[in-house]
Amino acid sequence: MAAGGVWVFRKDGVMELERQESSPATSQRGKALVYVPANETMRSLAALERRLGSLGWERYYEDRAIVQLHKRGGVDLISIPRDFSRLRSTHMYDVVVKNRDQFKVVDL
């Protein structure tokens, strides 16, 4: 079996990969990005942009493959694939890290 893992925030603020053994059944289930205040699963780029927009994020750059968002006056960027079916856990955790307490990643 291949080793997998979940990124976990420790109490000291450091993020580390917690290793887990994955099976075909668990690896196919996938992950979902949830907007915590409304308990809403993000199912489209438009829905995610709407929630991020309410938190001060706006479009910075876009092309055929990606959309980048930034907060005015900040240096952080969030890159999201335009084709939402290509959203991966790395994109989801990028959103979570830059919007603590607003988003979480859950197993499907």
PDB file of N, CA and C in Angstrom:
ATOM      1  N   MET A   1       0.828  -1.179   0.000  1.00  0.00           N
ATOM      2  CA  MET A   1       0.000   0.000   0.000  1.00  0.00           C
ATOM      3  C   MET A   1       0.871   1.241   0.000  1.00  0.00           C
ATOM      4  N   ALA A   2       0.408   2.259  -0.660  1.00  0.00           N
ATOM      5  CA  ALA A   2       1.149   3.514  -0.703  1.00  0.00           C
ATOM      6  C   ALA A   2       0.891   4.309   0.564  1.00  0.00           C
ATOM      7  N   ALA A   3       1.889   5.015   1.015  1.00  0.00           N
ATOM      8  CA  ALA A   3       1.736   5.863   2.197  1.00  0.00           C
ATOM      9  C   ALA A   3       1.143   7.192   1.766  1.00  0.00           C
ATOM     10  N   GLY A   4       0.201   7.671   2.533  1.00  0.00           N
ATOM     11  CA  GLY A   4      -0.419   8.963   2.278  1.00  0.00           C
ATOM     12  C   GLY A   4      -0.339   9.770   3.542  1.00  0.00           C
ATOM     13  N   GLY A   5      -1.101  10.830   3.607  1.00  0.00           N
ATOM     14  CA  GLY A   5      -1.079  11.605   4.827  1.00  0.00           C
ATOM     15  C   GLY A   5      -2.010  12.782   4.781  1.00  0.00           C
ATOM     16  N   VAL A   6      -2.105  13.434   5.906  1.00  0.00           N
ATOM     17  CA  VAL A   6      -2.944  14.611   6.066  1.00  0.00           C
ATOM     18  C   VAL A   6      -2.091  15.679   6.723  1.00  0.00           C
ATOM     19  N   TRP A   7      -2.190  16.907   6.230  1.00  0.00           N
ATOM     20  CA  TRP A   7      -1.465  18.012   6.855  1.00  0.00           C
ATOM     21  C   TRP A   7      -2.216  18.426   8.105  1.00  0.00           C
ATOM     22  N   VAL A   8      -1.505  18.506   9.221  1.00  0.00           N
ATOM     23  CA  VAL A   8      -2.097  18.808  10.516  1.00  0.00           C
ATOM     24  C   VAL A   8      -1.359  19.986  11.129  1.00  0.00           C
ATOM     25  N   PHE A   9      -2.109  20.900  11.744  1.00  0.00           N
ATOM     26  CA  PHE A   9      -1.506  22.021  12.461  1.00  0.00           C
ATOM     27  C   PHE A   9      -1.265  21.612  13.904  1.00  0.00           C
ATOM     28  N   ARG A  10      -0.014  21.718  14.351  1.00  0.00           N
ATOM     29  CA  ARG A  10       0.314  21.446  15.739  1.00  0.00           C
ATOM     30  C   ARG A  10      -0.006  22.680  16.557  1.00  0.00           C
ATOM     31  N   LYS A  11      -0.038  22.521  17.870  1.00  0.00           N
ATOM     32  CA  LYS A  11      -0.349  23.635  18.769  1.00  0.00           C
ATOM     33  C   LYS A  11       0.656  24.770  18.667  1.00  0.00           C
ATOM     34  N   ASP A  12       1.897  24.449  18.274  1.00  0.00           N
ATOM     35  CA  ASP A  12       2.916  25.493  18.173  1.00  0.00           C
ATOM     36  C   ASP A  12       2.855  26.233  16.830  1.00  0.00           C
ATOM     37  N   GLY A  13       1.812  25.937  16.024  1.00  0.00           N
ATOM     38  CA  GLY A  13       1.620  26.647  14.765  1.00  0.00           C
ATOM     39  C   GLY A  13       2.330  26.045  13.577  1.00  0.00           C
ATOM     40  N   VAL A  14       3.045  24.965  13.789  1.00  0.00           N
ATOM     41  CA  VAL A  14       3.772  24.319  12.698  1.00  0.00           C
ATOM     42  C   VAL A  14       2.854  23.308  12.024  1.00  0.00           C
ATOM     43  N   MET A  15       2.939  23.229  10.714  1.00  0.00           N
ATOM     44  CA  MET A  15       2.146  22.271   9.964  1.00  0.00           C
ATOM     45  C   MET A  15       3.038  21.086   9.617  1.00  0.00           C
ATOM     46  N   GLU A  16       2.533  19.859   9.810  1.00  0.00           N
ATOM     47  CA  GLU A  16       3.318  18.687   9.476  1.00  0.00           C
ATOM     48  C   GLU A  16       2.432  17.635   8.819  1.00  0.00           C
ATOM     49  N   LEU A  17       3.055  16.764   8.059  1.00  0.00           N
ATOM     50  CA  LEU A  17       2.340  15.701   7.374  1.00  0.00           C
ATOM     51  C   LEU A  17       2.211  14.519   8.321  1.00  0.00           C
ATOM     52  N   GLU A  18       0.961  14.171   8.616  1.00  0.00           N
ATOM     53  CA  GLU A  18       0.691  13.006   9.448  1.00  0.00           C
ATOM     54  C   GLU A  18       0.471  11.834   8.503  1.00  0.00           C
ATOM     55  N   ARG A  19       1.377  10.889   8.537  1.00  0.00           N
ATOM     56  CA  ARG A  19       1.348   9.768   7.591  1.00  0.00           C
ATOM     57  C   ARG A  19       0.238   8.789   7.926  1.00  0.00           C
ATOM     58  N   GLN A  20      -0.411   8.288   6.862  1.00  0.00           N
ATOM     59  CA  GLN A  20      -1.445   7.272   7.000  1.00  0.00           C
ATOM     60  C   GLN A  20      -1.264   6.268   5.886  1.00  0.00           C
ATOM     61  N   GLU A  21      -1.644   5.052   6.149  1.00  0.00           N
ATOM     62  CA  GLU A  21      -1.668   4.071   5.078  1.00  0.00           C
ATOM     63  C   GLU A  21      -2.983   4.249   4.339  1.00  0.00           C
ATOM     64  N   SER A  22      -2.927   4.263   3.017  1.00  0.00           N
ATOM     65  CA  SER A  22      -4.153   4.420   2.239  1.00  0.00           C
ATOM     66  C   SER A  22      -4.446   3.138   1.492  1.00  0.00           C
ATOM     67  N   SER A  23      -5.713   2.899   1.327  1.00  0.00           N
ATOM     68  CA  SER A  23      -6.146   1.757   0.539  1.00  0.00           C
ATOM     69  C   SER A  23      -6.865   2.297  -0.689  1.00  0.00           C
ATOM     70  N   PRO A  24      -7.095   1.468  -1.690  1.00  0.00           N
ATOM     71  CA  PRO A  24      -7.826   1.960  -2.858  1.00  0.00           C
ATOM     72  C   PRO A  24      -9.177   2.563  -2.496  1.00  0.00           C
ATOM     73  N   ALA A  25      -9.841   2.015  -1.497  1.00  0.00           N
ATOM     74  CA  ALA A  25     -11.161   2.535  -1.117  1.00  0.00           C
ATOM     75  C   ALA A  25     -11.065   3.946  -0.547  1.00  0.00           C
ATOM     76  N   THR A  26     -10.050   4.213   0.292  1.00  0.00           N
ATOM     77  CA  THR A  26      -9.949   5.545   0.888  1.00  0.00           C
ATOM     78  C   THR A  26      -9.386   6.558  -0.086  1.00  0.00           C
ATOM     79  N   SER A  27      -8.491   6.139  -0.976  1.00  0.00           N
ATOM     80  CA  SER A  27      -7.899   7.114  -1.887  1.00  0.00           C
ATOM     81  C   SER A  27      -8.888   7.566  -2.956  1.00  0.00           C
ATOM     82  N   GLN A  28      -9.899   6.771  -3.260  1.00  0.00           N
ATOM     83  CA  GLN A  28     -10.877   7.158  -4.270  1.00  0.00           C
ATOM     84  C   GLN A  28     -11.953   8.069  -3.696  1.00  0.00           C
ATOM     85  N   ARG A  29     -12.119   8.064  -2.389  1.00  0.00           N
ATOM     86  CA  ARG A  29     -13.163   8.892  -1.788  1.00  0.00           C
ATOM     87  C   ARG A  29     -12.884  10.367  -1.990  1.00  0.00           C
ATOM     88  N   GLY A  30     -11.655  10.783  -1.842  1.00  0.00           N
ATOM     89  CA  GLY A  30     -11.288  12.168  -2.061  1.00  0.00           C
ATOM     90  C   GLY A  30     -11.571  13.069  -0.884  1.00  0.00           C
ATOM     91  N   LYS A  31     -11.429  14.352  -1.168  1.00  0.00           N
ATOM     92  CA  LYS A  31     -11.587  15.382  -0.156  1.00  0.00           C
ATOM     93  C   LYS A  31     -12.523  16.458  -0.690  1.00  0.00           C
ATOM     94  N   ALA A  32     -13.060  17.245   0.211  1.00  0.00           N
ATOM     95  CA  ALA A  32     -13.930  18.351  -0.162  1.00  0.00           C
ATOM     96  C   ALA A  32     -13.554  19.568   0.673  1.00  0.00           C
ATOM     97  N   LEU A  33     -13.702  20.739   0.088  1.00  0.00           N
ATOM     98  CA  LEU A  33     -13.449  22.007   0.765  1.00  0.00           C
ATOM     99  C   LEU A  33     -14.781  22.538   1.276  1.00  0.00           C
ATOM    100  N   VAL A  34     -14.841  22.847   2.572  1.00  0.00           N
ATOM    101  CA  VAL A  34     -16.083  23.288   3.198  1.00  0.00           C
ATOM    102  C   VAL A  34     -15.898  24.687   3.765  1.00  0.00           C
ATOM    103  N   TYR A  35     -16.864  25.575   3.464  1.00  0.00           N
ATOM    104  CA  TYR A  35     -16.907  26.911   4.060  1.00  0.00           C
ATOM    105  C   TYR A  35     -17.594  26.748   5.414  1.00  0.00           C
ATOM    106  N   VAL A  36     -16.829  26.880   6.503  1.00  0.00           N
ATOM    107  CA  VAL A  36     -17.274  26.527   7.842  1.00  0.00           C
ATOM    108  C   VAL A  36     -18.477  27.337   8.334  1.00  0.00           C
ATOM    109  N   PRO A  37     -18.500  28.678   8.220  1.00  0.00           N
ATOM    110  CA  PRO A  37     -19.628  29.423   8.792  1.00  0.00           C
ATOM    111  C   PRO A  37     -21.001  28.986   8.274  1.00  0.00           C
ATOM    112  N   ALA A  38     -21.076  28.536   7.014  1.00  0.00           N
ATOM    113  CA  ALA A  38     -22.356  28.105   6.447  1.00  0.00           C
ATOM    114  C   ALA A  38     -22.423  26.590   6.266  1.00  0.00           C
ATOM    115  N   ASN A  39     -21.366  25.879   6.659  1.00  0.00           N
ATOM    116  CA  ASN A  39     -21.255  24.435   6.445  1.00  0.00           C
ATOM    117  C   ASN A  39     -21.589  24.086   4.986  1.00  0.00           C
ATOM    118  N   GLU A  40     -21.013  24.859   4.066  1.00  0.00           N
ATOM    119  CA  GLU A  40     -21.284  24.707   2.637  1.00  0.00           C
ATOM    120  C   GLU A  40     -20.085  24.086   1.926  1.00  0.00           C
ATOM    121  N   THR A  41     -20.315  22.984   1.241  1.00  0.00           N
ATOM    122  CA  THR A  41     -19.266  22.356   0.451  1.00  0.00           C
ATOM    123  C   THR A  41     -19.092  23.142  -0.838  1.00  0.00           C
ATOM    124  N   MET A  42     -17.852  23.494  -1.143  1.00  0.00           N
ATOM    125  CA  MET A  42     -17.568  24.240  -2.361  1.00  0.00           C
ATOM    126  C   MET A  42     -17.614  23.277  -3.556  1.00  0.00           C
ATOM    127  N   ARG A  43     -18.565  23.515  -4.455  1.00  0.00           N
ATOM    128  CA  ARG A  43     -18.771  22.622  -5.587  1.00  0.00           C
ATOM    129  C   ARG A  43     -18.448  23.262  -6.936  1.00  0.00           C
ATOM    130  N   SER A  44     -18.083  24.556  -6.900  1.00  0.00           N
ATOM    131  CA  SER A  44     -17.763  25.240  -8.152  1.00  0.00           C
ATOM    132  C   SER A  44     -16.811  26.392  -7.875  1.00  0.00           C
ATOM    133  N   LEU A  45     -16.142  26.832  -8.926  1.00  0.00           N
ATOM    134  CA  LEU A  45     -15.256  27.987  -8.816  1.00  0.00           C
ATOM    135  C   LEU A  45     -16.059  29.223  -8.427  1.00  0.00           C
ATOM    136  N   ALA A  46     -17.248  29.378  -8.996  1.00  0.00           N
ATOM    137  CA  ALA A  46     -18.084  30.545  -8.679  1.00  0.00           C
ATOM    138  C   ALA A  46     -18.449  30.580  -7.197  1.00  0.00           C
ATOM    139  N   ALA A  47     -18.824  29.444  -6.630  1.00  0.00           N
ATOM    140  CA  ALA A  47     -19.183  29.390  -5.207  1.00  0.00           C
ATOM    141  C   ALA A  47     -17.975  29.717  -4.332  1.00  0.00           C
ATOM    142  N   LEU A  48     -16.819  29.158  -4.676  1.00  0.00           N
ATOM    143  CA  LEU A  48     -15.600  29.425  -3.907  1.00  0.00           C
ATOM    144  C   LEU A  48     -15.199  30.890  -4.020  1.00  0.00           C
ATOM    145  N   GLU A  49     -15.253  31.446  -5.215  1.00  0.00           N
ATOM    146  CA  GLU A  49     -14.915  32.871  -5.395  1.00  0.00           C
ATOM    147  C   GLU A  49     -15.860  33.776  -4.623  1.00  0.00           C
ATOM    148  N   ARG A  50     -17.136  33.411  -4.577  1.00  0.00           N
ATOM    149  CA  ARG A  50     -18.119  34.221  -3.844  1.00  0.00           C
ATOM    150  C   ARG A  50     -17.763  34.244  -2.355  1.00  0.00           C
ATOM    151  N   ARG A  51     -17.444  33.079  -1.796  1.00  0.00           N
ATOM    152  CA  ARG A  51     -17.083  33.015  -0.374  1.00  0.00           C
ATOM    153  C   ARG A  51     -15.763  33.730  -0.100  1.00  0.00           C
ATOM    154  N   LEU A  52     -14.772  33.520  -0.956  1.00  0.00           N
ATOM    155  CA  LEU A  52     -13.489  34.210  -0.783  1.00  0.00           C
ATOM    156  C   LEU A  52     -13.656  35.715  -0.966  1.00  0.00           C
ATOM    157  N   GLY A  53     -14.501  36.120  -1.903  1.00  0.00           N
ATOM    158  CA  GLY A  53     -14.770  37.545  -2.116  1.00  0.00           C
ATOM    159  C   GLY A  53     -15.330  38.209  -0.864  1.00  0.00           C
ATOM    160  N   SER A  54     -16.193  37.489  -0.141  1.00  0.00           N
ATOM    161  CA  SER A  54     -16.757  38.043   1.097  1.00  0.00           C
ATOM    162  C   SER A  54     -15.692  38.200   2.187  1.00  0.00           C
ATOM    163  N   LEU A  55     -14.560  37.517   2.002  1.00  0.00           N
ATOM    164  CA  LEU A  55     -13.445  37.616   2.954  1.00  0.00           C
ATOM    165  C   LEU A  55     -12.362  38.587   2.476  1.00  0.00           C
ATOM    166  N   GLY A  56     -12.630  39.302   1.378  1.00  0.00           N
ATOM    167  CA  GLY A  56     -11.687  40.313   0.893  1.00  0.00           C
ATOM    168  C   GLY A  56     -10.782  39.876  -0.239  1.00  0.00           C
ATOM    169  N   TRP A  57     -10.951  38.660  -0.763  1.00  0.00           N
ATOM    170  CA  TRP A  57     -10.130  38.186  -1.873  1.00  0.00           C
ATOM    171  C   TRP A  57     -10.734  38.643  -3.188  1.00  0.00           C
ATOM    172  N   GLU A  58      -9.870  39.021  -4.122  1.00  0.00           N
ATOM    173  CA  GLU A  58     -10.338  39.425  -5.455  1.00  0.00           C
ATOM    174  C   GLU A  58      -9.414  38.850  -6.522  1.00  0.00           C
ATOM    175  N   ARG A  59      -9.951  38.780  -7.739  1.00  0.00           N
ATOM    176  CA  ARG A  59      -9.154  38.217  -8.837  1.00  0.00           C
ATOM    177  C   ARG A  59      -7.932  39.073  -9.097  1.00  0.00           C
ATOM    178  N   TYR A  60      -6.827  38.392  -9.276  1.00  0.00           N
ATOM    179  CA  TYR A  60      -5.561  39.052  -9.544  1.00  0.00           C
ATOM    180  C   TYR A  60      -5.082  38.730 -10.954  1.00  0.00           C
ATOM    181  N   TYR A  61      -5.231  37.466 -11.340  1.00  0.00           N
ATOM    182  CA  TYR A  61      -4.723  36.999 -12.622  1.00  0.00           C
ATOM    183  C   TYR A  61      -5.564  35.807 -13.037  1.00  0.00           C
ATOM    184  N   GLU A  62      -5.764  35.653 -14.341  1.00  0.00           N
ATOM    185  CA  GLU A  62      -6.450  34.471 -14.827  1.00  0.00           C
ATOM    186  C   GLU A  62      -5.981  34.151 -16.238  1.00  0.00           C
ATOM    187  N   ASP A  63      -6.003  32.882 -16.539  1.00  0.00           N
ATOM    188  CA  ASP A  63      -5.753  32.435 -17.904  1.00  0.00           C
ATOM    189  C   ASP A  63      -6.655  31.223 -18.143  1.00  0.00           C
ATOM    190  N   ARG A  64      -6.372  30.468 -19.172  1.00  0.00           N
ATOM    191  CA  ARG A  64      -7.246  29.333 -19.483  1.00  0.00           C
ATOM    192  C   ARG A  64      -7.184  28.245 -18.423  1.00  0.00           C
ATOM    193  N   ALA A  65      -6.109  28.162 -17.681  1.00  0.00           N
ATOM    194  CA  ALA A  65      -5.931  27.060 -16.737  1.00  0.00           C
ATOM    195  C   ALA A  65      -6.209  27.431 -15.278  1.00  0.00           C
ATOM    196  N   ILE A  66      -5.833  28.637 -14.862  1.00  0.00           N
ATOM    197  CA  ILE A  66      -5.938  28.984 -13.441  1.00  0.00           C
ATOM    198  C   ILE A  66      -6.564  30.361 -13.226  1.00  0.00           C
ATOM    199  N   VAL A  67      -7.034  30.541 -12.014  1.00  0.00           N
ATOM    200  CA  VAL A  67      -7.488  31.841 -11.511  1.00  0.00           C
ATOM    201  C   VAL A  67      -6.685  32.089 -10.244  1.00  0.00           C
ATOM    202  N   GLN A  68      -6.107  33.283 -10.127  1.00  0.00           N
ATOM    203  CA  GLN A  68      -5.393  33.648  -8.911  1.00  0.00           C
ATOM    204  C   GLN A  68      -6.155  34.765  -8.217  1.00  0.00           C
ATOM    205  N   LEU A  69      -6.218  34.657  -6.897  1.00  0.00           N
ATOM    206  CA  LEU A  69      -6.894  35.653  -6.074  1.00  0.00           C
ATOM    207  C   LEU A  69      -5.892  36.226  -5.082  1.00  0.00           C
ATOM    208  N   HIS A  70      -6.086  37.481  -4.724  1.00  0.00           N
ATOM    209  CA  HIS A  70      -5.235  38.109  -3.709  1.00  0.00           C
ATOM    210  C   HIS A  70      -6.086  39.007  -2.844  1.00  0.00           C
ATOM    211  N   LYS A  71      -5.553  39.342  -1.669  1.00  0.00           N
ATOM    212  CA  LYS A  71      -6.205  40.306  -0.792  1.00  0.00           C
ATOM    213  C   LYS A  71      -5.531  41.643  -1.004  1.00  0.00           C
ATOM    214  N   ARG A  72      -6.316  42.656  -1.188  1.00  0.00           N
ATOM    215  CA  ARG A  72      -5.775  44.003  -1.374  1.00  0.00           C
ATOM    216  C   ARG A  72      -4.871  44.359  -0.201  1.00  0.00           C
ATOM    217  N   GLY A  73      -3.687  44.846  -0.519  1.00  0.00           N
ATOM    218  CA  GLY A  73      -2.727  45.240   0.504  1.00  0.00           C
ATOM    219  C   GLY A  73      -1.927  44.085   1.079  1.00  0.00           C
ATOM    220  N   GLY A  74      -2.135  42.881   0.566  1.00  0.00           N
ATOM    221  CA  GLY A  74      -1.401  41.717   1.075  1.00  0.00           C
ATOM    222  C   GLY A  74      -0.513  41.128   0.001  1.00  0.00           C
ATOM    223  N   VAL A  75       0.244  40.143   0.374  1.00  0.00           N
ATOM    224  CA  VAL A  75       1.147  39.501  -0.579  1.00  0.00           C
ATOM    225  C   VAL A  75       0.728  38.074  -0.908  1.00  0.00           C
ATOM    226  N   ASP A  76      -0.278  37.545  -0.206  1.00  0.00           N
ATOM    227  CA  ASP A  76      -0.719  36.177  -0.442  1.00  0.00           C
ATOM    228  C   ASP A  76      -1.483  36.039  -1.749  1.00  0.00           C
ATOM    229  N   LEU A  77      -1.268  34.918  -2.411  1.00  0.00           N
ATOM    230  CA  LEU A  77      -2.023  34.549  -3.611  1.00  0.00           C
ATOM    231  C   LEU A  77      -2.612  33.167  -3.393  1.00  0.00           C
ATOM    232  N   ILE A  78      -3.799  32.969  -3.917  1.00  0.00           N
ATOM    233  CA  ILE A  78      -4.418  31.647  -3.958  1.00  0.00           C
ATOM    234  C   ILE A  78      -4.612  31.304  -5.422  1.00  0.00           C
ATOM    235  N   SER A  79      -4.106  30.165  -5.855  1.00  0.00           N
ATOM    236  CA  SER A  79      -4.278  29.706  -7.235  1.00  0.00           C
ATOM    237  C   SER A  79      -5.283  28.564  -7.250  1.00  0.00           C
ATOM    238  N   ILE A  80      -6.266  28.689  -8.126  1.00  0.00           N
ATOM    239  CA  ILE A  80      -7.331  27.691  -8.239  1.00  0.00           C
ATOM    240  C   ILE A  80      -7.460  27.311  -9.708  1.00  0.00           C
ATOM    241  N   PRO A  81      -7.552  26.024  -9.999  1.00  0.00           N
ATOM    242  CA  PRO A  81      -7.744  25.646 -11.404  1.00  0.00           C
ATOM    243  C   PRO A  81      -9.113  26.121 -11.905  1.00  0.00           C
ATOM    244  N   ARG A  82      -9.142  26.662 -13.095  1.00  0.00           N
ATOM    245  CA  ARG A  82     -10.398  27.131 -13.668  1.00  0.00           C
ATOM    246  C   ARG A  82     -11.390  25.968 -13.797  1.00  0.00           C
ATOM    247  N   ASP A  83     -10.869  24.795 -14.169  1.00  0.00           N
ATOM    248  CA  ASP A  83     -11.684  23.578 -14.231  1.00  0.00           C
ATOM    249  C   ASP A  83     -11.760  23.027 -12.810  1.00  0.00           C
ATOM    250  N   PHE A  84     -12.871  23.253 -12.139  1.00  0.00           N
ATOM    251  CA  PHE A  84     -12.995  22.927 -10.719  1.00  0.00           C
ATOM    252  C   PHE A  84     -12.831  21.436 -10.448  1.00  0.00           C
ATOM    253  N   SER A  85     -13.042  20.598 -11.437  1.00  0.00           N
ATOM    254  CA  SER A  85     -12.840  19.158 -11.252  1.00  0.00           C
ATOM    255  C   SER A  85     -11.357  18.837 -11.052  1.00  0.00           C
ATOM    256  N   ARG A  86     -10.481  19.785 -11.354  1.00  0.00           N
ATOM    257  CA  ARG A  86      -9.033  19.597 -11.152  1.00  0.00           C
ATOM    258  C   ARG A  86      -8.555  20.146  -9.804  1.00  0.00           C
ATOM    259  N   LEU A  87      -9.480  20.609  -8.971  1.00  0.00           N
ATOM    260  CA  LEU A  87      -9.129  21.090  -7.637  1.00  0.00           C
ATOM    261  C   LEU A  87      -8.615  19.914  -6.810  1.00  0.00           C
ATOM    262  N   ARG A  88      -7.422  20.033  -6.285  1.00  0.00           N
ATOM    263  CA  ARG A  88      -6.781  18.976  -5.516  1.00  0.00           C
ATOM    264  C   ARG A  88      -6.591  19.427  -4.071  1.00  0.00           C
ATOM    265  N   SER A  89      -6.199  18.490  -3.239  1.00  0.00           N
ATOM    266  CA  SER A  89      -6.042  18.805  -1.820  1.00  0.00           C
ATOM    267  C   SER A  89      -5.011  19.913  -1.590  1.00  0.00           C
ATOM    268  N   THR A  90      -3.988  20.002  -2.438  1.00  0.00           N
ATOM    269  CA  THR A  90      -3.006  21.081  -2.267  1.00  0.00           C
ATOM    270  C   THR A  90      -3.657  22.451  -2.446  1.00  0.00           C
ATOM    271  N   HIS A  91      -4.580  22.567  -3.407  1.00  0.00           N
ATOM    272  CA  HIS A  91      -5.305  23.837  -3.593  1.00  0.00           C
ATOM    273  C   HIS A  91      -6.198  24.112  -2.374  1.00  0.00           C
ATOM    274  N   MET A  92      -6.868  23.047  -1.904  1.00  0.00           N
ATOM    275  CA  MET A  92      -7.780  23.204  -0.765  1.00  0.00           C
ATOM    276  C   MET A  92      -7.039  23.663   0.478  1.00  0.00           C
ATOM    277  N   TYR A  93      -5.896  23.027   0.756  1.00  0.00           N
ATOM    278  CA  TYR A  93      -5.141  23.413   1.945  1.00  0.00           C
ATOM    279  C   TYR A  93      -4.547  24.810   1.806  1.00  0.00           C
ATOM    280  N   ASP A  94      -4.265  25.246   0.601  1.00  0.00           N
ATOM    281  CA  ASP A  94      -3.802  26.620   0.379  1.00  0.00           C
ATOM    282  C   ASP A  94      -4.894  27.596   0.816  1.00  0.00           C
ATOM    283  N   VAL A  95      -6.144  27.300   0.461  1.00  0.00           N
ATOM    284  CA  VAL A  95      -7.276  28.140   0.871  1.00  0.00           C
ATOM    285  C   VAL A  95      -7.420  28.108   2.389  1.00  0.00           C
ATOM    286  N   VAL A  96      -7.324  26.925   2.987  1.00  0.00           N
ATOM    287  CA  VAL A  96      -7.485  26.778   4.436  1.00  0.00           C
ATOM    288  C   VAL A  96      -6.405  27.546   5.196  1.00  0.00           C
ATOM    289  N   VAL A  97      -5.152  27.400   4.782  1.00  0.00           N
ATOM    290  CA  VAL A  97      -4.040  28.057   5.478  1.00  0.00           C
ATOM    291  C   VAL A  97      -4.183  29.573   5.439  1.00  0.00           C
ATOM    292  N   LYS A  98      -4.689  30.104   4.348  1.00  0.00           N
ATOM    293  CA  LYS A  98      -4.782  31.564   4.192  1.00  0.00           C
ATOM    294  C   LYS A  98      -6.109  32.129   4.677  1.00  0.00           C
ATOM    295  N   ASN A  99      -6.992  31.248   5.162  1.00  0.00           N
ATOM    296  CA  ASN A  99      -8.301  31.671   5.678  1.00  0.00           C
ATOM    297  C   ASN A  99      -8.681  30.803   6.876  1.00  0.00           C
ATOM    298  N   ARG A 100      -7.841  30.847   7.880  1.00  0.00           N
ATOM    299  CA  ARG A 100      -8.061  29.999   9.059  1.00  0.00           C
ATOM    300  C   ARG A 100      -9.443  30.251   9.654  1.00  0.00           C
ATOM    301  N   ASP A 101     -10.054  29.209  10.156  1.00  0.00           N
ATOM    302  CA  ASP A 101     -11.373  29.228  10.793  1.00  0.00           C
ATOM    303  C   ASP A 101     -12.520  29.500   9.818  1.00  0.00           C
ATOM    304  N   GLN A 102     -12.221  29.691   8.537  1.00  0.00           N
ATOM    305  CA  GLN A 102     -13.266  29.934   7.550  1.00  0.00           C
ATOM    306  C   GLN A 102     -13.521  28.715   6.658  1.00  0.00           C
ATOM    307  N   PHE A 103     -12.482  27.933   6.419  1.00  0.00           N
ATOM    308  CA  PHE A 103     -12.571  26.759   5.562  1.00  0.00           C
ATOM    309  C   PHE A 103     -11.934  25.568   6.253  1.00  0.00           C
ATOM    310  N   LYS A 104     -12.379  24.385   5.863  1.00  0.00           N
ATOM    311  CA  LYS A 104     -11.744  23.151   6.300  1.00  0.00           C
ATOM    312  C   LYS A 104     -11.832  22.139   5.165  1.00  0.00           C
ATOM    313  N   VAL A 105     -10.959  21.144   5.221  1.00  0.00           N
ATOM    314  CA  VAL A 105     -10.956  20.059   4.248  1.00  0.00           C
ATOM    315  C   VAL A 105     -11.484  18.827   4.964  1.00  0.00           C
ATOM    316  N   VAL A 106     -12.438  18.151   4.315  1.00  0.00           N
ATOM    317  CA  VAL A 106     -13.031  16.946   4.901  1.00  0.00           C
ATOM    318  C   VAL A 106     -12.895  15.784   3.929  1.00  0.00           C
ATOM    319  N   ASP A 107     -12.907  14.584   4.480  1.00  0.00           N
ATOM    320  CA  ASP A 107     -12.923  13.381   3.643  1.00  0.00           C
ATOM    321  C   ASP A 107     -14.344  13.158   3.147  1.00  0.00           C
ATOM    322  N   LEU A 108     -14.450  12.713   1.926  1.00  0.00           N
ATOM    323  CA  LEU A 108     -15.768  12.378   1.390  1.00  0.00           C
ATOM    324  C   LEU A 108     -16.142  10.962   1.739  1.00  0.00           C
TER     325      LEU A 108
END
